[in-house]
Protein backbone atom coordinates (compact mmCIF):
# COMPACT_ATOMS: atom_id res chain seq x y z
CA MET A 1 0.04 -0.06 -0.14
CA ASP A 2 1.48 3.37 -1.21
CA LEU A 3 0.80 6.08 1.63
CA GLU A 4 -1.15 9.11 0.52
CA VAL A 5 -1.78 12.27 2.30
CA ARG A 6 -5.24 11.10 3.53
CA HIS A 7 -3.58 8.54 5.43
CA LEU A 8 -1.21 10.87 7.00
CA ARG A 9 -4.21 13.01 7.78
CA ALA A 10 -5.87 10.26 9.65
CA LEU A 11 -2.88 9.42 11.62
CA CYS A 12 -2.71 13.40 12.75
CA ALA A 13 -6.34 13.09 13.64
CA ILE A 14 -5.86 10.25 16.01
CA ALA A 15 -3.00 11.79 17.61
CA ASP A 16 -4.87 15.07 18.12
CA THR A 17 -7.90 13.60 19.48
CA GLY A 18 -6.34 10.65 21.22
CA SER A 19 -9.09 8.52 20.36
CA LEU A 20 -10.26 6.52 17.46
CA HIS A 21 -13.89 7.14 17.94
CA ARG A 22 -13.28 10.87 18.03
CA ALA A 23 -10.94 10.98 15.29
CA ALA A 24 -13.31 8.97 12.95
CA ARG A 25 -15.87 11.46 14.10
CA GLN A 26 -13.76 14.38 12.91
CA LEU A 27 -12.77 12.63 9.59
CA GLY A 28 -16.55 11.93 9.01
CA VAL A 29 -15.70 7.98 8.61
CA ALA A 30 -16.83 4.88 10.45
CA GLN A 31 -14.54 3.81 13.24
CA PRO A 32 -14.13 0.22 12.09
CA SER A 33 -13.01 1.86 8.63
CA LEU A 34 -10.54 4.02 10.45
CA SER A 35 -9.19 1.07 12.53
CA THR A 36 -8.66 -1.11 9.30
CA GLN A 37 -6.70 1.78 7.71
CA LEU A 38 -4.43 2.24 10.73
CA ARG A 39 -3.50 -1.35 10.64
CA ARG A 40 -2.93 -1.10 7.01
CA ILE A 41 -0.73 1.79 7.49
CA GLU A 42 0.99 0.30 10.39
CA GLN A 43 1.81 -2.99 8.50
CA GLU A 44 3.18 -0.60 5.58
CA LEU A 45 5.65 1.13 8.03
CA GLY A 46 6.57 -2.07 9.88
CA GLY A 47 5.40 -1.28 13.21
CA ALA A 48 2.81 -0.13 15.46
CA LEU A 49 2.15 3.82 15.63
CA PHE A 50 -0.23 4.10 18.58
CA VAL A 51 -0.54 2.37 22.08
CA ARG A 52 -4.10 1.47 22.26
CA ALA A 53 -5.22 1.71 26.03
CA ARG A 54 -8.64 2.09 27.65
CA THR A 55 -8.01 5.83 28.33
CA GLY A 56 -7.25 6.22 24.42
CA CYS A 57 -4.74 6.02 21.86
CA ARG A 58 -0.91 7.62 22.38
CA PRO A 59 2.03 7.67 19.75
CA THR A 60 4.84 5.01 20.33
CA PRO A 61 8.29 6.27 19.46
CA LEU A 62 7.76 5.20 15.72
CA GLY A 63 4.50 6.87 15.55
CA SER A 64 6.09 9.98 17.00
CA LEU A 65 8.73 10.10 14.18
CA VAL A 66 6.08 9.49 11.46
CA LEU A 67 3.90 12.30 12.90
CA SER A 68 6.73 14.79 13.24
CA ARG A 69 7.03 14.19 9.17
CA ALA A 70 3.39 14.23 8.37
CA ARG A 71 2.36 17.22 10.05
CA PRO A 72 4.21 19.54 7.94
CA LEU A 73 3.31 17.55 4.85
CA VAL A 74 -0.52 17.88 5.61
CA ALA A 75 -0.22 21.34 6.45
CA GLU A 76 1.67 22.02 3.03
CA MET A 77 -0.82 20.08 1.08
CA ARG A 78 -3.97 22.07 2.62
CA SER A 79 -2.11 25.30 1.76
CA LEU A 80 -1.50 24.37 -1.60
CA VAL A 81 -5.19 23.73 -2.15
CA SER A 82 -6.54 26.72 -0.15
CA GLU A 83 -3.96 29.03 -2.45
CA ALA A 84 -5.13 27.23 -5.77
CA ARG A 85 -8.84 27.74 -5.09
CA ALA A 86 -8.30 31.35 -3.89
CA ALA A 87 -6.45 31.82 -7.52
CA ALA A 88 -9.22 30.15 -9.22
CA THR A 89 -11.69 31.99 -7.63
CA GLY A 90 -10.16 35.42 -7.66
CA GLY A 91 -9.89 36.11 -4.15
CA PRO A 92 -8.96 34.26 -0.71
CA GLU A 93 -11.32 32.21 1.43
CA LEU A 94 -11.61 32.89 5.18
CA ARG A 95 -11.35 29.49 6.59
CA VAL A 96 -13.50 29.67 10.20
CA GLY A 97 -13.66 26.73 12.62
CA SER A 98 -15.98 26.88 15.52
CA THR A 99 -17.69 25.02 18.18
CA ALA A 100 -21.51 25.16 18.45
CA SER A 101 -22.77 28.56 18.95
CA LYS A 102 -26.01 30.61 18.38
CA ALA A 103 -23.73 33.38 16.99
CA LEU A 104 -22.66 31.55 14.13
CA ALA A 105 -25.12 32.46 11.47
CA GLY A 106 -24.95 36.26 12.30
CA TRP A 107 -20.93 36.04 12.12
CA LEU A 108 -20.89 34.56 8.69
CA ARG A 109 -23.51 36.86 7.43
CA ARG A 110 -21.36 39.75 8.65
CA LEU A 111 -18.29 38.60 7.35
CA ARG A 112 -19.71 38.09 3.79
CA ALA A 113 -21.10 41.53 4.04
CA ARG A 114 -17.68 43.05 4.76
CA GLY A 115 -16.37 41.38 1.40
CA GLN A 116 -15.16 38.25 2.96
CA ASP A 117 -15.61 34.49 1.63
CA PRO A 118 -15.92 32.17 4.69
CA THR A 119 -15.89 28.58 4.84
CA LEU A 120 -16.86 26.83 8.06
CA HIS A 121 -15.88 23.74 9.75
CA MET A 122 -17.55 22.54 12.72
CA ASN A 123 -16.05 20.33 15.58
CA VAL A 124 -16.91 19.65 19.18
CA SER A 125 -13.53 19.57 20.41
CA PRO A 126 -11.76 23.18 20.82
CA ASN A 127 -8.48 21.39 20.98
CA ALA A 128 -8.85 20.01 17.64
CA LEU A 129 -9.92 23.18 16.07
CA LEU A 130 -7.16 25.17 17.69
CA ARG A 131 -4.48 22.40 16.08
CA MET A 132 -6.02 23.06 12.77
CA VAL A 133 -5.43 26.69 13.20
CA ALA A 134 -1.81 26.12 14.11
CA ASP A 135 -1.34 23.56 11.16
CA GLY A 136 -2.72 26.12 8.57
CA GLN A 137 -5.86 24.00 7.85
CA LEU A 138 -8.02 26.69 9.38
CA ASP A 139 -7.37 30.84 9.63
CA VAL A 140 -9.27 31.49 12.99
CA ALA A 141 -11.21 29.40 15.20
CA PHE A 142 -13.97 30.32 17.79
CA VAL A 143 -13.70 28.01 20.60
CA HIS A 144 -14.68 27.54 24.29
CA GLU A 145 -12.75 26.57 27.30
CA VAL A 146 -14.53 24.99 30.01
CA GLU A 147 -13.81 25.93 33.40
CA GLY A 148 -11.04 23.65 35.21
CA SER A 149 -10.12 22.10 32.02
CA ARG A 150 -7.49 24.34 30.14
CA LEU A 151 -6.87 24.05 26.26
CA ARG A 152 -3.81 22.88 24.92
CA ILE A 153 -2.66 26.02 23.06
CA PRO A 154 -0.26 25.12 20.24
CA GLU A 155 2.84 27.29 19.72
CA GLY A 156 2.51 30.58 17.91
CA LEU A 157 -1.43 30.98 18.26
CA ARG A 158 -2.93 34.57 19.19
CA LEU A 159 -5.71 34.68 21.26
CA ARG A 160 -8.41 37.21 21.97
CA VAL A 161 -11.14 36.71 24.81
CA LEU A 162 -14.68 37.19 23.45
CA VAL A 163 -16.36 36.85 27.00
CA GLU A 164 -14.25 35.77 30.28
CA ARG A 165 -16.96 33.90 32.03
CA GLU A 166 -20.29 32.75 30.06
CA PRO A 167 -22.55 30.92 32.54
CA GLN A 168 -24.20 27.83 31.31
CA PHE A 169 -27.81 27.10 31.65
CA VAL A 170 -29.91 24.08 31.79
CA TYR A 171 -32.84 22.77 29.28
CA LEU A 172 -35.75 21.44 30.93
CA PRO A 173 -39.00 19.73 29.63
CA ALA A 174 -41.69 22.50 29.66
CA ASP A 175 -43.73 20.67 32.41
CA HIS A 176 -40.91 19.95 34.74
CA PRO A 177 -41.64 21.37 37.98
CA ALA A 178 -38.54 23.35 38.22
CA ALA A 179 -39.55 25.12 34.99
CA ALA A 180 -41.91 27.39 37.34
CA HIS A 181 -38.67 29.26 38.38
CA SER A 182 -36.25 31.64 36.33
CA ALA A 183 -33.43 30.03 38.35
CA VAL A 184 -33.10 26.42 39.37
CA ASP A 185 -30.91 24.61 41.94
CA VAL A 186 -29.04 21.91 40.62
CA ARG A 187 -30.02 19.95 43.75
CA ASP A 188 -33.48 20.19 42.53
CA LEU A 189 -32.65 18.18 39.66
CA ALA A 190 -31.07 15.33 41.36
CA ALA A 191 -33.61 12.86 40.51
CA ASP A 192 -33.65 13.73 36.85
CA ARG A 193 -31.93 11.71 34.11
CA TRP A 194 -29.35 14.10 32.42
CA MET A 195 -27.47 13.91 29.02
CA ILE A 196 -24.16 14.93 28.62
CA ASP A 197 -21.84 14.85 25.49
CA PRO A 198 -18.35 13.28 26.83
CA THR A 199 -16.62 14.31 23.60
CA VAL A 200 -16.91 17.82 24.27
CA ASP A 201 -13.50 18.90 25.69
CA GLY A 202 -13.63 19.32 29.41
CA GLU A 203 -17.23 19.25 29.63
CA TRP A 204 -18.21 15.92 31.39
CA ASP A 205 -15.26 16.50 33.96
CA ALA A 206 -17.08 20.16 34.81
CA VAL A 207 -20.36 18.51 34.96
CA GLN A 208 -19.27 15.76 37.27
CA HIS A 209 -17.51 18.60 39.61
CA MET A 210 -20.70 20.36 39.64
CA PHE A 211 -22.63 17.39 40.73
CA ARG A 212 -20.01 16.76 43.63
CA ARG A 213 -20.16 20.22 44.95
CA ALA A 214 -23.94 20.05 45.04
CA GLU A 215 -23.59 16.35 46.62
CA ILE A 216 -25.78 14.77 44.11
CA HIS A 217 -25.72 11.62 41.96
CA PRO A 218 -28.07 11.85 39.36
CA HIS A 219 -28.13 9.14 36.45
CA VAL A 220 -26.24 10.29 33.38
CA LEU A 221 -26.72 9.35 29.74
CA HIS A 222 -23.98 10.14 27.06
CA GLY A 223 -25.19 11.34 23.63
CA ASP A 224 -24.73 14.35 21.69
CA TYR A 225 -26.67 17.71 22.30
CA HIS A 226 -29.01 17.46 19.13
CA THR A 227 -30.15 14.19 20.67
CA ALA A 228 -30.22 15.59 24.21
CA ALA A 229 -32.78 18.45 22.92
CA ALA A 230 -34.85 15.98 21.63
CA LEU A 231 -35.28 14.06 24.61
CA VAL A 232 -35.50 16.97 26.61
CA ALA A 233 -38.63 18.01 24.66
CA THR A 234 -40.39 14.36 25.41
CA GLY A 235 -39.62 14.73 29.03
CA GLU A 236 -36.68 12.06 29.30
CA VAL A 237 -34.03 13.94 30.27
CA VAL A 238 -32.56 17.57 31.20
CA THR A 239 -29.23 18.64 29.77
CA ILE A 240 -26.73 21.81 29.80
CA CYS A 241 -27.22 24.40 27.16
CA GLN A 242 -25.67 27.54 26.29
CA PRO A 243 -27.37 30.81 27.66
CA THR A 244 -28.15 32.00 24.02
CA ALA A 245 -30.48 28.99 23.77
CA VAL A 246 -34.15 30.02 23.78
CA SER A 247 -37.28 28.21 25.03
CA HIS A 248 -39.75 26.51 22.85
CA SER A 249 -43.41 25.00 23.47
CA ASP A 250 -42.03 21.78 25.14
CA MET A 251 -38.77 22.92 26.49
CA VAL A 252 -37.53 25.81 28.43
CA VAL A 253 -34.17 27.34 29.60
CA ARG A 254 -33.57 28.07 32.84
CA ARG A 255 -30.61 29.86 35.07
CA LEU A 256 -28.62 27.64 37.32
CA ARG A 257 -28.52 29.30 40.72
CA GLY A 258 -25.42 30.33 41.46
CA ASP A 259 -23.94 30.01 38.18
CA PRO A 260 -21.82 26.42 38.98
CA LEU A 261 -20.68 26.08 35.14
CA GLY A 262 -19.17 28.69 32.93
CA VAL A 263 -16.84 28.95 30.05
CA ARG A 264 -14.50 31.38 28.33
CA LEU A 265 -15.02 32.29 24.76
CA LEU A 266 -11.99 32.73 22.79
CA LEU A 267 -11.04 33.53 18.91
CA ALA A 268 -7.90 31.97 17.83
CA ALA A 269 -5.52 32.79 14.77
CA ARG A 270 -2.03 32.66 13.67
CA THR A 271 -1.89 36.62 12.89
CA GLU A 272 -3.12 39.72 14.44
CA THR A 273 -4.54 40.63 10.84
CA ASP A 274 -6.76 37.51 10.66
CA LEU A 275 -7.97 38.37 14.52
CA ASP A 276 -8.60 41.97 13.48
CA GLY A 277 -10.47 40.83 10.42
CA ALA A 278 -12.87 38.43 12.16
CA LEU A 279 -13.43 39.60 15.64
CA PRO A 280 -15.44 42.81 15.32
CA ALA A 281 -18.08 40.55 13.23
CA LEU A 282 -17.87 38.00 15.93
CA GLU A 283 -18.68 40.52 18.73
CA GLU A 284 -21.56 41.93 16.96
CA ALA A 285 -23.09 38.66 16.08
CA TYR A 286 -22.64 37.01 19.91
CA TRP A 287 -24.22 40.24 21.57
CA GLU A 288 -27.09 40.14 18.74
CA SER A 289 -27.76 36.42 19.82
CA ALA A 290 -27.33 37.36 23.53
CA ARG A 291 -30.35 40.10 23.24
CA GLN A 292 -32.45 37.76 21.67
CA ALA A 293 -32.17 35.00 24.53
CA PRO A 294 -34.71 36.19 27.18
CA MET A 295 -33.00 34.36 30.01
CA TYR A 296 -29.45 35.11 29.02
CA ARG A 297 -30.64 38.97 28.63
CA GLU A 298 -32.36 38.75 32.01
CA TRP A 299 -29.16 37.43 33.95
CA LEU A 300 -26.64 39.98 31.73
CA GLU A 301 -28.90 42.83 33.35
CA SER A 302 -28.67 41.49 36.54
CA THR A 303 -25.04 41.51 36.64
CA GLY A 304 -25.23 44.91 35.12
CA THR A 305 -23.61 43.88 31.76
CA SER A 306 -24.56 45.80 28.69
CA THR A 307 -25.92 43.83 25.62
CA SER A 308 -25.78 46.94 23.63
CA SER A 309 -21.90 46.71 22.99
CA PRO A 310 -19.22 44.26 23.58
CA ALA A 311 -17.90 43.72 26.99
CA PRO A 312 -14.37 44.62 28.03
CA ARG A 313 -11.68 42.09 26.50
CA ARG A 314 -8.14 41.30 27.02
CA PRO A 315 -5.68 42.10 24.30
CA SER A 316 -4.36 39.17 22.31
CA ARG A 317 -1.34 37.03 23.42
CA GLN A 318 0.85 35.07 21.53
CA THR A 319 1.89 31.73 23.01
CA HIS A 320 5.54 30.46 22.99
CA GLY A 321 5.00 26.57 23.14
CA PRO A 322 2.17 23.90 23.51
CA THR A 323 1.03 25.33 26.88
CA ASP A 324 -2.27 25.42 28.66
CA ALA A 325 -4.29 28.59 27.91
CA GLU A 326 -3.87 31.15 30.88
CA PRO A 327 -6.90 31.17 33.53
CA GLY A 328 -9.32 33.98 33.68
CA SER A 329 -8.49 36.61 35.91
CA SER A 330 -11.20 35.21 38.34
CA GLY A 331 -9.90 31.82 38.31
CA ARG A 332 -13.36 30.47 37.31
CA LEU A 333 -13.96 28.18 34.68
CA LEU A 334 -14.25 28.22 30.94
CA ARG A 335 -17.47 25.53 27.65
CA ARG A 336 -19.23 25.04 24.00
CA ALA A 337 -18.87 28.52 22.38
């Protein structure tokens, strides 16, 4: 079997995510197919590239050697394709990456109105998106950092803080007894089934920490948040949601009393130019979505935060190695954008 760029891309995805399951999800392939492909690559190269354990996959010495050569090749190929497409269409694309956010539609719309031509790559993993920016696969990434689970910031990235701490709310069935109140104590949801997406970097750890602080042990189901929303609507589960979410006839958004969960929202790029070009549109879109969410608007007004203009943010900083993101000045947590 001759090695191809797609094989190298698969190896990078496995290393970046630390899991065959998450890598397959990122690549858009079935996990058995990716496992078979990895075995063929290892046979071609003459040795194991990853140690497979219950906690995930980590590169062997041979794997680290191969990855050190594969990453620049993959990045160079992506740059070649991007430059060729730009030359063919007469203008550069802005390659945007993001975790889930209600602000996305407004952000893309504003970028187009300002003469940019954005493409979009979604991923539940902020760390995977940051790696893609560092590798030249994306120009900017809008990501969240879950409180207590610092992101792994690749060398050379520049960061801007959009929101220092965004509180996380909860989705409840509309007929849930706690739905009668605008703020809900997490202890009042101890008897409910919760659904959490364990593939979101840091989310499961943060929710477990919240449960421990509240001294509750609810039953937890694992699933993505699209499935969770559908199950909330039928009364099966409750789930964490972004504060920009809105209530519907069969499910409602409520604040968690004491704001036990929060995230920091970040924009990352390799250059100040890319940050300056993308951040103003993102700020406008985010605060527009905040104004359209009654529960979040109420929370912002109660804390004295204006929804008519962007909140103060830190200047950008450049990392000098693969280090954790610095914590917020409050020392509090950082989630899904």
